[in-house]
Amino acid sequence: MVIKKKNILTGNSSTMDLPVTEEQLFIWEKGMPIQICMPHLNVQQREFLISGMSLEEQDNFFNIEEHD
């Protein structure tokens, strides 16, 4: 499902195609921890849903460096 979110820090909008259902999103939005209702998502995918940060914004914000 393609999801569009707005970054809570910058206001920039971005989209991400995530393997989630409308039901999972509904349950999460009603208060279930994201790790419980969508355990198959990786950390970056969960962060996108929570904060709206794109992968590039996450890399910059959390100062993530790629290693060989």
PDB file of N, CA and C in Angstrom:
ATOM      1  N   MET A   1       0.848  -1.164   0.000  1.00  0.00           N
ATOM      2  CA  MET A   1       0.000   0.000   0.000  1.00  0.00           C
ATOM      3  C   MET A   1       0.905   1.242   0.000  1.00  0.00           C
ATOM      4  N   VAL A   2       0.636   2.158  -0.907  1.00  0.00           N
ATOM      5  CA  VAL A   2       1.405   3.395  -0.974  1.00  0.00           C
ATOM      6  C   VAL A   2       0.825   4.363   0.056  1.00  0.00           C
ATOM      7  N   ILE A   3       1.702   4.835   0.943  1.00  0.00           N
ATOM      8  CA  ILE A   3       1.285   5.716   2.024  1.00  0.00           C
ATOM      9  C   ILE A   3       2.023   7.035   1.900  1.00  0.00           C
ATOM     10  N   LYS A   4       1.278   8.123   2.027  1.00  0.00           N
ATOM     11  CA  LYS A   4       1.859   9.456   1.996  1.00  0.00           C
ATOM     12  C   LYS A   4       1.831  10.015   3.414  1.00  0.00           C
ATOM     13  N   LYS A   5       2.972  10.514   3.873  1.00  0.00           N
ATOM     14  CA  LYS A   5       3.076  11.074   5.216  1.00  0.00           C
ATOM     15  C   LYS A   5       3.790  12.416   5.145  1.00  0.00           C
ATOM     16  N   LYS A   6       3.516  13.251   6.134  1.00  0.00           N
ATOM     17  CA  LYS A   6       4.192  14.531   6.265  1.00  0.00           C
ATOM     18  C   LYS A   6       5.183  14.436   7.422  1.00  0.00           C
ATOM     19  N   ASN A   7       6.421  14.833   7.182  1.00  0.00           N
ATOM     20  CA  ASN A   7       7.455  14.825   8.199  1.00  0.00           C
ATOM     21  C   ASN A   7       7.040  15.773   9.325  1.00  0.00           C
ATOM     22  N   ILE A   8       7.010  15.271  10.558  1.00  0.00           N
ATOM     23  CA  ILE A   8       6.554  16.077  11.686  1.00  0.00           C
ATOM     24  C   ILE A   8       7.538  17.186  12.042  1.00  0.00           C
ATOM     25  N   LEU A   9       8.775  17.091  11.583  1.00  0.00           N
ATOM     26  CA  LEU A   9       9.778  18.116  11.885  1.00  0.00           C
ATOM     27  C   LEU A   9       9.872  19.185  10.806  1.00  0.00           C
ATOM     28  N   THR A  10       9.802  18.780   9.543  1.00  0.00           N
ATOM     29  CA  THR A  10      10.022  19.722   8.440  1.00  0.00           C
ATOM     30  C   THR A  10       8.758  20.081   7.674  1.00  0.00           C
ATOM     31  N   GLY A  11       7.743  19.255   7.760  1.00  0.00           N
ATOM     32  CA  GLY A  11       6.530  19.479   6.988  1.00  0.00           C
ATOM     33  C   GLY A  11       6.601  18.935   5.572  1.00  0.00           C
ATOM     34  N   ASN A  12       7.764  18.381   5.179  1.00  0.00           N
ATOM     35  CA  ASN A  12       7.912  17.789   3.845  1.00  0.00           C
ATOM     36  C   ASN A  12       7.069  16.525   3.753  1.00  0.00           C
ATOM     37  N   SER A  13       6.443  16.324   2.606  1.00  0.00           N
ATOM     38  CA  SER A  13       5.662  15.113   2.376  1.00  0.00           C
ATOM     39  C   SER A  13       6.459  14.121   1.535  1.00  0.00           C
ATOM     40  N   SER A  14       6.268  12.846   1.818  1.00  0.00           N
ATOM     41  CA  SER A  14       6.893  11.795   1.015  1.00  0.00           C
ATOM     42  C   SER A  14       5.984  10.576   1.047  1.00  0.00           C
ATOM     43  N   THR A  15       6.257   9.655   0.125  1.00  0.00           N
ATOM     44  CA  THR A  15       5.468   8.428   0.056  1.00  0.00           C
ATOM     45  C   THR A  15       6.384   7.221   0.174  1.00  0.00           C
ATOM     46  N   MET A  16       5.787   6.129   0.625  1.00  0.00           N
ATOM     47  CA  MET A  16       6.504   4.865   0.720  1.00  0.00           C
ATOM     48  C   MET A  16       5.501   3.750   0.473  1.00  0.00           C
ATOM     49  N   ASP A  17       5.923   2.761  -0.304  1.00  0.00           N
ATOM     50  CA  ASP A  17       5.093   1.592  -0.566  1.00  0.00           C
ATOM     51  C   ASP A  17       5.411   0.557   0.509  1.00  0.00           C
ATOM     52  N   LEU A  18       4.451   0.323   1.396  1.00  0.00           N
ATOM     53  CA  LEU A  18       4.673  -0.575   2.532  1.00  0.00           C
ATOM     54  C   LEU A  18       3.753  -1.790   2.467  1.00  0.00           C
ATOM     55  N   PRO A  19       4.255  -2.942   2.921  1.00  0.00           N
ATOM     56  CA  PRO A  19       3.438  -4.156   2.933  1.00  0.00           C
ATOM     57  C   PRO A  19       2.527  -4.202   4.162  1.00  0.00           C
ATOM     58  N   VAL A  20       1.540  -3.294   4.187  1.00  0.00           N
ATOM     59  CA  VAL A  20       0.594  -3.235   5.304  1.00  0.00           C
ATOM     60  C   VAL A  20      -0.832  -3.210   4.760  1.00  0.00           C
ATOM     61  N   THR A  21      -1.759  -3.552   5.627  1.00  0.00           N
ATOM     62  CA  THR A  21      -3.170  -3.522   5.254  1.00  0.00           C
ATOM     63  C   THR A  21      -3.848  -2.329   5.934  1.00  0.00           C
ATOM     64  N   GLU A  22      -5.008  -1.989   5.436  1.00  0.00           N
ATOM     65  CA  GLU A  22      -5.790  -0.921   6.065  1.00  0.00           C
ATOM     66  C   GLU A  22      -6.138  -1.294   7.501  1.00  0.00           C
ATOM     67  N   GLU A  23      -6.390  -2.563   7.737  1.00  0.00           N
ATOM     68  CA  GLU A  23      -6.715  -3.025   9.093  1.00  0.00           C
ATOM     69  C   GLU A  23      -5.538  -2.815  10.043  1.00  0.00           C
ATOM     70  N   GLN A  24      -4.324  -3.148   9.587  1.00  0.00           N
ATOM     71  CA  GLN A  24      -3.144  -2.933  10.429  1.00  0.00           C
ATOM     72  C   GLN A  24      -2.965  -1.452  10.757  1.00  0.00           C
ATOM     73  N   LEU A  25      -3.137  -0.592   9.769  1.00  0.00           N
ATOM     74  CA  LEU A  25      -3.020   0.850  10.001  1.00  0.00           C
ATOM     75  C   LEU A  25      -4.079   1.323  10.990  1.00  0.00           C
ATOM     76  N   PHE A  26      -5.300   0.838  10.842  1.00  0.00           N
ATOM     77  CA  PHE A  26      -6.391   1.218  11.730  1.00  0.00           C
ATOM     78  C   PHE A  26      -6.080   0.822  13.171  1.00  0.00           C
ATOM     79  N   ILE A  27      -5.640  -0.415  13.351  1.00  0.00           N
ATOM     80  CA  ILE A  27      -5.326  -0.913  14.702  1.00  0.00           C
ATOM     81  C   ILE A  27      -4.195  -0.096  15.321  1.00  0.00           C
ATOM     82  N   TRP A  28      -3.173   0.213  14.531  1.00  0.00           N
ATOM     83  CA  TRP A  28      -2.057   1.020  15.030  1.00  0.00           C
ATOM     84  C   TRP A  28      -2.525   2.429  15.403  1.00  0.00           C
ATOM     85  N   GLU A  29      -3.329   3.044  14.542  1.00  0.00           N
ATOM     86  CA  GLU A  29      -3.823   4.396  14.807  1.00  0.00           C
ATOM     87  C   GLU A  29      -4.726   4.448  16.041  1.00  0.00           C
ATOM     88  N   LYS A  30      -5.320   3.319  16.401  1.00  0.00           N
ATOM     89  CA  LYS A  30      -6.160   3.258  17.600  1.00  0.00           C
ATOM     90  C   LYS A  30      -5.343   2.995  18.865  1.00  0.00           C
ATOM     91  N   GLY A  31      -4.013   2.816  18.721  1.00  0.00           N
ATOM     92  CA  GLY A  31      -3.171   2.729  19.907  1.00  0.00           C
ATOM     93  C   GLY A  31      -2.332   1.483  20.095  1.00  0.00           C
ATOM     94  N   MET A  32      -2.480   0.479  19.249  1.00  0.00           N
ATOM     95  CA  MET A  32      -1.655  -0.710  19.399  1.00  0.00           C
ATOM     96  C   MET A  32      -0.215  -0.378  18.991  1.00  0.00           C
ATOM     97  N   PRO A  33       0.777  -0.834  19.757  1.00  0.00           N
ATOM     98  CA  PRO A  33       2.171  -0.577  19.378  1.00  0.00           C
ATOM     99  C   PRO A  33       2.472  -1.079  17.963  1.00  0.00           C
ATOM    100  N   ILE A  34       3.209  -0.275  17.219  1.00  0.00           N
ATOM    101  CA  ILE A  34       3.500  -0.596  15.823  1.00  0.00           C
ATOM    102  C   ILE A  34       4.250  -1.916  15.688  1.00  0.00           C
ATOM    103  N   GLN A  35       5.099  -2.245  16.679  1.00  0.00           N
ATOM    104  CA  GLN A  35       5.857  -3.493  16.628  1.00  0.00           C
ATOM    105  C   GLN A  35       4.950  -4.714  16.764  1.00  0.00           C
ATOM    106  N   ILE A  36       3.794  -4.536  17.382  1.00  0.00           N
ATOM    107  CA  ILE A  36       2.848  -5.635  17.569  1.00  0.00           C
ATOM    108  C   ILE A  36       1.972  -5.827  16.331  1.00  0.00           C
ATOM    109  N   CYS A  37       1.421  -4.742  15.808  1.00  0.00           N
ATOM    110  CA  CYS A  37       0.488  -4.897  14.690  1.00  0.00           C
ATOM    111  C   CYS A  37       1.174  -4.976  13.330  1.00  0.00           C
ATOM    112  N   MET A  38       2.457  -4.565  13.255  1.00  0.00           N
ATOM    113  CA  MET A  38       3.193  -4.655  11.982  1.00  0.00           C
ATOM    114  C   MET A  38       4.625  -5.134  12.238  1.00  0.00           C
ATOM    115  N   PRO A  39       4.775  -6.330  12.808  1.00  0.00           N
ATOM    116  CA  PRO A  39       6.112  -6.808  13.184  1.00  0.00           C
ATOM    117  C   PRO A  39       7.033  -7.075  11.993  1.00  0.00           C
ATOM    118  N   HIS A  40       6.466  -7.190  10.817  1.00  0.00           N
ATOM    119  CA  HIS A  40       7.250  -7.490   9.615  1.00  0.00           C
ATOM    120  C   HIS A  40       7.950  -6.259   9.046  1.00  0.00           C
ATOM    121  N   LEU A  41       7.596  -5.063   9.520  1.00  0.00           N
ATOM    122  CA  LEU A  41       8.246  -3.850   9.013  1.00  0.00           C
ATOM    123  C   LEU A  41       9.611  -3.672   9.659  1.00  0.00           C
ATOM    124  N   ASN A  42      10.549  -3.120   8.887  1.00  0.00           N
ATOM    125  CA  ASN A  42      11.863  -2.839   9.467  1.00  0.00           C
ATOM    126  C   ASN A  42      11.816  -1.488  10.193  1.00  0.00           C
ATOM    127  N   VAL A  43      12.900  -1.138  10.840  1.00  0.00           N
ATOM    128  CA  VAL A  43      12.962   0.075  11.653  1.00  0.00           C
ATOM    129  C   VAL A  43      12.674   1.328  10.821  1.00  0.00           C
ATOM    130  N   GLN A  44      13.234   1.395   9.622  1.00  0.00           N
ATOM    131  CA  GLN A  44      13.040   2.573   8.778  1.00  0.00           C
ATOM    132  C   GLN A  44      11.587   2.701   8.320  1.00  0.00           C
ATOM    133  N   GLN A  45      10.956   1.592   8.015  1.00  0.00           N
ATOM    134  CA  GLN A  45       9.552   1.626   7.605  1.00  0.00           C
ATOM    135  C   GLN A  45       8.661   2.083   8.765  1.00  0.00           C
ATOM    136  N   ARG A  46       8.944   1.578   9.971  1.00  0.00           N
ATOM    137  CA  ARG A  46       8.166   1.996  11.134  1.00  0.00           C
ATOM    138  C   ARG A  46       8.379   3.480  11.422  1.00  0.00           C
ATOM    139  N   GLU A  47       9.625   3.933  11.320  1.00  0.00           N
ATOM    140  CA  GLU A  47       9.919   5.346  11.560  1.00  0.00           C
ATOM    141  C   GLU A  47       9.182   6.229  10.562  1.00  0.00           C
ATOM    142  N   PHE A  48       9.093   5.798   9.309  1.00  0.00           N
ATOM    143  CA  PHE A  48       8.346   6.559   8.314  1.00  0.00           C
ATOM    144  C   PHE A  48       6.893   6.725   8.754  1.00  0.00           C
ATOM    145  N   LEU A  49       6.263   5.644   9.210  1.00  0.00           N
ATOM    146  CA  LEU A  49       4.876   5.730   9.644  1.00  0.00           C
ATOM    147  C   LEU A  49       4.721   6.635  10.867  1.00  0.00           C
ATOM    148  N   ILE A  50       5.655   6.551  11.793  1.00  0.00           N
ATOM    149  CA  ILE A  50       5.559   7.314  13.038  1.00  0.00           C
ATOM    150  C   ILE A  50       5.847   8.802  12.819  1.00  0.00           C
ATOM    151  N   SER A  51       6.931   9.116  12.125  1.00  0.00           N
ATOM    152  CA  SER A  51       7.374  10.512  12.025  1.00  0.00           C
ATOM    153  C   SER A  51       7.173  11.145  10.657  1.00  0.00           C
ATOM    154  N   GLY A  52       6.968  10.313   9.639  1.00  0.00           N
ATOM    155  CA  GLY A  52       6.845  10.842   8.286  1.00  0.00           C
ATOM    156  C   GLY A  52       8.179  11.114   7.615  1.00  0.00           C
ATOM    157  N   MET A  53       9.283  10.741   8.262  1.00  0.00           N
ATOM    158  CA  MET A  53      10.604  10.966   7.664  1.00  0.00           C
ATOM    159  C   MET A  53      10.875   9.963   6.555  1.00  0.00           C
ATOM    160  N   SER A  54      11.291  10.472   5.397  1.00  0.00           N
ATOM    161  CA  SER A  54      11.706   9.596   4.306  1.00  0.00           C
ATOM    162  C   SER A  54      12.992   8.880   4.709  1.00  0.00           C
ATOM    163  N   LEU A  55      13.404   7.907   3.917  1.00  0.00           N
ATOM    164  CA  LEU A  55      14.653   7.198   4.224  1.00  0.00           C
ATOM    165  C   LEU A  55      15.838   8.158   4.228  1.00  0.00           C
ATOM    166  N   GLU A  56      15.886   9.064   3.263  1.00  0.00           N
ATOM    167  CA  GLU A  56      16.983  10.033   3.198  1.00  0.00           C
ATOM    168  C   GLU A  56      16.971  10.956   4.418  1.00  0.00           C
ATOM    169  N   GLU A  57      15.799  11.407   4.807  1.00  0.00           N
ATOM    170  CA  GLU A  57      15.700  12.271   5.987  1.00  0.00           C
ATOM    171  C   GLU A  57      16.116  11.527   7.252  1.00  0.00           C
ATOM    172  N   GLN A  58      15.760  10.255   7.339  1.00  0.00           N
ATOM    173  CA  GLN A  58      16.177   9.460   8.489  1.00  0.00           C
ATOM    174  C   GLN A  58      17.694   9.331   8.531  1.00  0.00           C
ATOM    175  N   ASP A  59      18.296   9.055   7.372  1.00  0.00           N
ATOM    176  CA  ASP A  59      19.752   8.929   7.307  1.00  0.00           C
ATOM    177  C   ASP A  59      20.423  10.206   7.790  1.00  0.00           C
ATOM    178  N   ASN A  60      19.914  11.351   7.342  1.00  0.00           N
ATOM    179  CA  ASN A  60      20.492  12.633   7.740  1.00  0.00           C
ATOM    180  C   ASN A  60      20.240  12.933   9.211  1.00  0.00           C
ATOM    181  N   PHE A  61      19.030  12.715   9.672  1.00  0.00           N
ATOM    182  CA  PHE A  61      18.645  13.039  11.047  1.00  0.00           C
ATOM    183  C   PHE A  61      19.384  12.173  12.065  1.00  0.00           C
ATOM    184  N   PHE A  62      19.445  10.870  11.782  1.00  0.00           N
ATOM    185  CA  PHE A  62      20.071   9.953  12.715  1.00  0.00           C
ATOM    186  C   PHE A  62      21.562   9.760  12.420  1.00  0.00           C
ATOM    187  N   ASN A  63      22.067  10.511  11.425  1.00  0.00           N
ATOM    188  CA  ASN A  63      23.483  10.477  11.038  1.00  0.00           C
ATOM    189  C   ASN A  63      23.940   9.052  10.754  1.00  0.00           C
ATOM    190  N   ILE A  64      23.173   8.362   9.920  1.00  0.00           N
ATOM    191  CA  ILE A  64      23.479   6.978   9.556  1.00  0.00           C
ATOM    192  C   ILE A  64      24.467   6.981   8.397  1.00  0.00           C
ATOM    193  N   GLU A  65      25.538   6.249   8.568  1.00  0.00           N
ATOM    194  CA  GLU A  65      26.536   6.114   7.503  1.00  0.00           C
ATOM    195  C   GLU A  65      26.508   4.695   6.975  1.00  0.00           C
ATOM    196  N   GLU A  66      26.629   4.588   5.674  1.00  0.00           N
ATOM    197  CA  GLU A  66      26.678   3.254   5.079  1.00  0.00           C
ATOM    198  C   GLU A  66      28.080   2.711   5.198  1.00  0.00           C
ATOM    199  N   HIS A  67      28.175   1.434   5.512  1.00  0.00           N
ATOM    200  CA  HIS A  67      29.462   0.760   5.645  1.00  0.00           C
ATOM    201  C   HIS A  67      29.549  -0.370   4.616  1.00  0.00           C
ATOM    202  N   ASP A  68      30.745  -0.644   4.158  1.00  0.00           N
ATOM    203  CA  ASP A  68      30.945  -1.741   3.187  1.00  0.00           C
ATOM    204  C   ASP A  68      30.729  -3.085   3.845  1.00  0.00           C
TER     205      ASP A  68
END
